[in-house]
Amino acid sequence: MSGYDVIVIGEIMVELYCEEELVDGATLRLGFSGDALNAAAAAAAAGAHTAVLTAVGTDETGDAIIRRVTELGIDPALIRREPRPNGAYLLHGDLTGHRQFSYWRNGSAASTVDPTDLPPFTGVGAVVLSGITAALSDTAERAVLAAAVAADKAGTAVIYDPNYRARLTTAVRAREVLAAVAPHCTLVTPSYPGDAQPLLDAAEPTAAAAAALALGARSVAVTAGAAEVLIDGEPGRLRLPVPHTPNAVDATGAGDVFTGTTAARLSLGDPLTEAIRLG
């Protein structure tokens, strides 16, 4: 199980995307997504030997998910099959980042992930964890906490994206997970204001960075949409502008791509600041 540059732990979801308002008769597009798949795809695209650790159903949809994972250059070896439905969501998004999500994920295959699924982290460059994964179930939360501890002990970089979703968990529970994971993290990547305000009581990015560092994280990169990324911690404080993206299609998943690319470049030997800049 060793030899991976990046392991991403989380749920791959069935995505039904709607460009229109969510009304009867709206046209939907089928895809596969979720923060774990987005981050893993970005890591693989950035040159890292990447695996995603999850569970998917034993049905035809699960087969299709594994095909898609393989098409994206992600190693499917850490995907366990489980006779349960795959999580799904209905999404309506736009370029401003505003989006509407409707989830069907209670009892999903991925919610069965637990600490026994974790591989040895010796020789792994980076592990990517998220608050969404921790919110799937009690066992998934324990897996996130165990992965952070084990990976840190093995010398693997731990990157944690709080990715707070009020429909999945409470701010109190998400804060507890962040506080438990942060001392093991090479990098925490809270968004502003989405994560910073409910989880860190921060009214601006600098305060969010300070709060994350106070929890024990070695470094933090606060993403603020199209405005900037604020880095603080071991590399020192630095503000990086977000490059203009021509012909943008949808802002959904931008933070996941940032996290996955940063993890890949960090695992491949780039200094943290350079890895974040590339992300």
Protein backbone atom coordinates (compact mmCIF):
# COMPACT_ATOMS: atom_id res chain seq x y z
CA MET A 1 0.00 0.00 0.00
CA SER A 2 3.02 2.31 0.21
CA GLY A 3 4.59 4.26 -2.60
CA TYR A 4 1.80 6.78 -3.19
CA ASP A 5 2.65 10.43 -3.47
CA VAL A 6 -0.86 11.43 -2.33
CA ILE A 7 -3.74 9.57 -0.66
CA VAL A 8 -7.08 11.37 -0.49
CA ILE A 9 -9.66 10.03 1.98
CA GLY A 10 -13.32 10.79 1.38
CA GLU A 11 -16.52 10.15 -0.56
CA ILE A 12 -16.97 10.01 -4.32
CA MET A 13 -20.49 11.11 -5.14
CA VAL A 14 -22.98 10.84 -7.94
CA GLU A 15 -23.56 14.39 -9.17
CA LEU A 16 -26.70 15.62 -10.88
CA TYR A 17 -25.88 19.09 -12.19
CA CYS A 18 -28.52 21.61 -13.19
CA GLU A 19 -27.68 24.85 -14.98
CA GLU A 20 -31.26 26.07 -14.54
CA GLU A 21 -33.29 26.81 -11.45
CA LEU A 22 -34.28 23.67 -9.57
CA VAL A 23 -37.81 23.29 -10.91
CA ASP A 24 -39.90 20.47 -12.35
CA GLY A 25 -38.67 19.51 -15.82
CA ALA A 26 -35.18 20.98 -15.42
CA THR A 27 -32.42 19.25 -17.40
CA LEU A 28 -29.81 17.39 -15.37
CA ARG A 29 -26.30 16.22 -16.29
CA LEU A 30 -24.88 13.07 -14.66
CA GLY A 31 -21.33 13.09 -13.38
CA PHE A 32 -19.15 11.92 -10.50
CA SER A 33 -17.65 14.41 -8.11
CA GLY A 34 -17.30 15.29 -4.45
CA ASP A 35 -14.39 16.97 -2.69
CA ALA A 36 -12.32 13.78 -2.50
CA LEU A 37 -12.55 13.03 -6.21
CA ASN A 38 -11.90 16.67 -7.14
CA ALA A 39 -8.78 16.80 -4.94
CA ALA A 40 -7.51 13.42 -6.13
CA ALA A 41 -8.02 14.33 -9.80
CA ALA A 42 -6.12 17.58 -9.27
CA ALA A 43 -3.28 15.77 -7.51
CA ALA A 44 -3.00 13.23 -10.31
CA ALA A 45 -3.08 15.99 -12.94
CA ALA A 46 -0.27 17.74 -11.08
CA GLY A 47 1.95 14.69 -11.51
CA ALA A 48 1.45 12.79 -8.28
CA HIS A 49 0.86 9.03 -8.00
CA THR A 50 -2.50 9.39 -6.30
CA ALA A 51 -4.99 7.03 -4.66
CA VAL A 52 -8.41 7.76 -3.23
CA LEU A 53 -9.45 5.79 -0.16
CA THR A 54 -13.21 5.30 -0.02
CA ALA A 55 -16.01 2.76 -0.40
CA VAL A 56 -18.43 2.62 -3.33
CA GLY A 57 -21.49 0.51 -4.01
CA THR A 58 -21.43 -2.93 -5.60
CA ASP A 59 -23.92 -1.81 -8.26
CA GLU A 60 -23.47 -0.47 -11.80
CA THR A 61 -23.04 3.05 -10.47
CA GLY A 62 -20.13 1.87 -8.33
CA ASP A 63 -18.59 0.27 -11.43
CA ALA A 64 -18.95 3.57 -13.29
CA ILE A 65 -17.31 5.48 -10.45
CA ILE A 66 -14.28 3.20 -10.53
CA ARG A 67 -14.03 3.58 -14.31
CA ARG A 68 -14.09 7.35 -13.91
CA VAL A 69 -11.44 7.24 -11.19
CA THR A 70 -9.18 5.24 -13.49
CA GLU A 71 -9.82 7.59 -16.42
CA LEU A 72 -8.62 10.49 -14.26
CA GLY A 73 -5.31 8.74 -13.58
CA ILE A 74 -6.16 7.91 -9.96
CA ASP A 75 -5.21 4.51 -8.53
CA PRO A 76 -8.42 2.70 -7.44
CA ALA A 77 -6.64 0.11 -5.26
CA LEU A 78 -7.82 1.67 -1.98
CA ILE A 79 -11.50 1.68 -3.00
CA ARG A 80 -13.56 -0.90 -1.12
CA ARG A 81 -16.86 -2.21 -2.52
CA GLU A 82 -19.82 -2.14 -0.16
CA PRO A 83 -23.42 -3.33 -0.83
CA ARG A 84 -24.91 0.09 -0.11
CA PRO A 85 -26.02 3.01 -2.27
CA ASN A 86 -23.55 5.63 -3.38
CA GLY A 87 -24.00 9.13 -2.03
CA ALA A 88 -25.58 11.57 -4.47
CA TYR A 89 -26.36 15.26 -4.71
CA LEU A 90 -28.22 17.70 -6.88
CA LEU A 91 -26.26 20.85 -7.64
CA HIS A 92 -27.08 24.23 -9.10
CA GLY A 93 -23.99 26.48 -9.29
CA ASP A 94 -22.68 29.62 -10.93
CA LEU A 95 -19.40 31.47 -11.45
CA THR A 96 -19.74 33.53 -8.28
CA GLY A 97 -19.43 30.39 -6.20
CA HIS A 98 -23.03 30.51 -5.00
CA ARG A 99 -24.58 27.08 -5.27
CA GLN A 100 -27.51 25.05 -4.06
CA PHE A 101 -26.90 21.48 -2.88
CA SER A 102 -29.45 18.78 -2.10
CA TYR A 103 -27.84 15.64 -0.68
CA TRP A 104 -28.77 11.96 -0.45
CA ARG A 105 -25.93 10.37 1.48
CA ASN A 106 -27.25 8.90 4.75
CA GLY A 107 -26.04 5.32 4.97
CA SER A 108 -23.94 5.65 1.82
CA ALA A 109 -21.18 3.19 1.01
CA ALA A 110 -18.51 5.79 1.82
CA SER A 111 -20.02 6.44 5.25
CA THR A 112 -18.78 2.97 6.26
CA VAL A 113 -15.12 4.01 5.99
CA ASP A 114 -13.43 3.42 9.32
CA PRO A 115 -9.90 3.29 10.79
CA THR A 116 -9.44 -0.34 9.70
CA ASP A 117 -9.45 0.85 6.07
CA LEU A 118 -6.34 2.95 6.57
CA PRO A 119 -3.13 1.75 4.90
CA PRO A 120 0.36 2.20 6.37
CA PHE A 121 1.46 5.75 5.61
CA THR A 122 5.19 5.03 5.55
CA GLY A 123 6.56 6.29 2.26
CA VAL A 124 3.43 8.27 1.38
CA GLY A 125 4.13 11.91 0.50
CA ALA A 126 0.88 13.52 1.64
CA VAL A 127 -2.58 12.61 2.87
CA VAL A 128 -5.56 14.87 2.19
CA LEU A 129 -8.39 14.91 4.73
CA SER A 130 -11.51 17.05 4.97
CA GLY A 131 -14.30 18.10 7.26
CA ILE A 132 -16.79 16.65 4.79
CA THR A 133 -15.25 13.20 5.20
CA ALA A 134 -15.36 13.54 8.99
CA ALA A 135 -19.05 14.51 8.81
CA LEU A 136 -20.12 11.38 6.91
CA SER A 137 -20.47 9.19 10.01
CA ASP A 138 -18.93 8.48 13.39
CA THR A 139 -16.68 5.83 11.84
CA ALA A 140 -15.54 8.20 9.10
CA GLU A 141 -14.74 10.84 11.70
CA ARG A 142 -12.63 8.32 13.60
CA ALA A 143 -10.88 7.41 10.36
CA VAL A 144 -9.99 11.06 9.71
CA LEU A 145 -8.60 11.50 13.22
CA ALA A 146 -6.67 8.20 13.06
CA ALA A 147 -5.27 9.06 9.64
CA ALA A 148 -4.02 12.44 10.84
CA VAL A 149 -2.23 10.88 13.80
CA ALA A 150 -0.78 7.93 11.87
CA ALA A 151 0.34 9.97 8.87
CA ASP A 152 1.99 12.60 11.04
CA LYS A 153 3.80 9.88 12.98
CA ALA A 154 5.01 8.35 9.70
CA GLY A 155 6.41 11.66 8.48
CA THR A 156 3.68 12.09 5.87
CA ALA A 157 2.42 15.61 5.21
CA VAL A 158 -1.15 16.03 6.47
CA ILE A 159 -3.35 18.55 4.65
CA TYR A 160 -6.77 19.28 6.13
CA ASP A 161 -9.52 21.22 4.39
CA PRO A 162 -12.23 22.05 6.96
CA ASN A 163 -14.82 22.32 4.13
CA TYR A 164 -17.64 23.11 6.57
CA ARG A 165 -21.14 22.20 5.36
CA ALA A 166 -23.98 23.16 7.70
CA ARG A 167 -26.25 20.54 6.12
CA LEU A 168 -23.84 17.76 7.09
CA THR A 169 -22.72 18.67 10.59
CA THR A 170 -22.88 21.34 13.26
CA ALA A 171 -20.34 24.08 13.69
CA VAL A 172 -19.61 22.77 17.19
CA ARG A 173 -18.78 19.28 15.91
CA ALA A 174 -16.74 20.64 13.01
CA ARG A 175 -14.77 22.82 15.41
CA GLU A 176 -13.99 19.79 17.58
CA VAL A 177 -12.68 17.83 14.60
CA LEU A 178 -10.56 20.76 13.43
CA ALA A 179 -9.09 21.18 16.91
CA ALA A 180 -8.22 17.47 17.09
CA VAL A 181 -6.68 17.30 13.61
CA ALA A 182 -4.81 20.63 13.51
CA PRO A 183 -1.86 19.65 15.75
CA HIS A 184 -0.97 16.92 13.24
CA CYS A 185 -1.31 19.11 10.15
CA THR A 186 1.42 20.33 7.86
CA LEU A 187 -1.20 22.61 6.33
CA VAL A 188 -4.80 23.61 7.06
CA THR A 189 -6.74 25.29 4.23
CA PRO A 190 -9.82 27.09 5.62
CA SER A 191 -11.90 29.19 3.28
CA TYR A 192 -12.94 32.74 4.10
CA PRO A 193 -15.65 33.38 5.05
CA GLY A 194 -17.16 29.87 4.69
CA ASP A 195 -14.92 28.09 7.21
CA ALA A 196 -13.31 31.03 8.96
CA GLN A 197 -16.40 32.55 10.51
CA PRO A 198 -18.26 29.49 11.87
CA LEU A 199 -15.19 27.43 12.84
CA LEU A 200 -12.54 29.99 13.81
CA ASP A 201 -14.62 33.03 14.88
CA ALA A 202 -12.59 35.05 12.40
CA ALA A 203 -13.89 38.24 10.83
CA GLU A 204 -11.06 38.44 8.29
CA PRO A 205 -8.39 36.11 6.80
CA THR A 206 -5.51 37.20 9.05
CA ALA A 207 -7.53 36.34 12.14
CA ALA A 208 -8.50 33.00 10.60
CA ALA A 209 -4.84 32.15 9.99
CA ALA A 210 -3.91 33.10 13.56
CA ALA A 211 -6.72 30.98 15.00
CA ALA A 212 -5.71 27.92 12.95
CA LEU A 213 -2.09 28.28 14.01
CA ALA A 214 -3.19 28.60 17.64
CA LEU A 215 -4.84 25.18 17.31
CA GLY A 216 -1.44 23.69 16.48
CA ALA A 217 -1.31 23.64 12.68
CA ARG A 218 2.21 24.22 11.37
CA SER A 219 1.03 26.29 8.43
CA VAL A 220 -2.26 27.64 7.12
CA ALA A 221 -3.45 28.86 3.74
CA VAL A 222 -6.68 30.86 3.94
CA THR A 223 -8.45 30.93 0.59
CA ALA A 224 -10.63 33.97 -0.07
CA GLY A 225 -12.33 33.16 -3.35
CA ALA A 226 -10.95 35.09 -6.29
CA ALA A 227 -9.31 37.66 -3.99
CA GLU A 228 -6.18 36.02 -2.56
CA VAL A 229 -4.62 33.19 -0.59
CA LEU A 230 -3.11 34.21 2.75
CA ILE A 231 -0.26 31.95 3.91
CA ASP A 232 0.94 32.00 7.52
CA GLY A 233 2.99 29.76 9.78
CA GLU A 234 6.32 28.08 9.12
CA PRO A 235 6.90 29.74 5.70
CA GLY A 236 6.10 33.16 7.19
CA ARG A 237 3.20 35.39 6.20
CA LEU A 238 2.58 35.93 2.52
CA ARG A 239 -0.36 37.00 0.39
CA LEU A 240 -0.68 35.41 -3.04
CA PRO A 241 -3.03 36.83 -5.68
CA VAL A 242 -5.35 34.38 -7.40
CA PRO A 243 -4.56 34.30 -11.13
CA HIS A 244 -7.36 35.24 -13.51
CA THR A 245 -8.91 32.16 -15.10
CA PRO A 246 -10.12 32.85 -18.64
CA ASN A 247 -13.20 31.03 -19.87
CA ALA A 248 -14.18 29.88 -16.39
CA VAL A 249 -17.11 27.47 -16.31
CA ASP A 250 -18.00 26.88 -12.65
CA ALA A 251 -16.36 27.86 -9.36
CA THR A 252 -17.63 24.72 -7.62
CA GLY A 253 -14.70 22.56 -6.48
CA ALA A 254 -12.06 25.29 -6.83
CA GLY A 255 -10.96 24.81 -3.23
CA ASP A 256 -10.68 21.06 -3.72
CA VAL A 257 -8.46 21.55 -6.77
CA PHE A 258 -6.32 23.99 -4.77
CA THR A 259 -5.88 21.44 -1.98
CA GLY A 260 -5.16 18.51 -4.28
CA THR A 261 -2.63 20.41 -6.40
CA THR A 262 -0.88 21.78 -3.33
CA ALA A 263 -0.65 18.27 -1.83
CA ALA A 264 0.77 16.88 -5.07
CA ARG A 265 3.45 19.50 -5.47
CA LEU A 266 4.40 19.33 -1.80
CA SER A 267 4.74 15.54 -2.00
CA LEU A 268 6.87 15.87 -5.13
CA GLY A 269 9.37 18.08 -3.35
CA ASP A 270 8.29 21.67 -3.95
CA PRO A 271 8.65 24.05 -0.98
CA LEU A 272 5.32 24.70 0.71
CA THR A 273 4.98 28.26 -0.57
CA GLU A 274 5.66 27.17 -4.14
CA ALA A 275 3.24 24.25 -3.81
CA ILE A 276 0.54 26.66 -2.61
CA ARG A 277 1.32 29.10 -5.42
CA LEU A 278 0.91 26.33 -8.00
CA GLY A 279 -2.31 25.26 -6.28
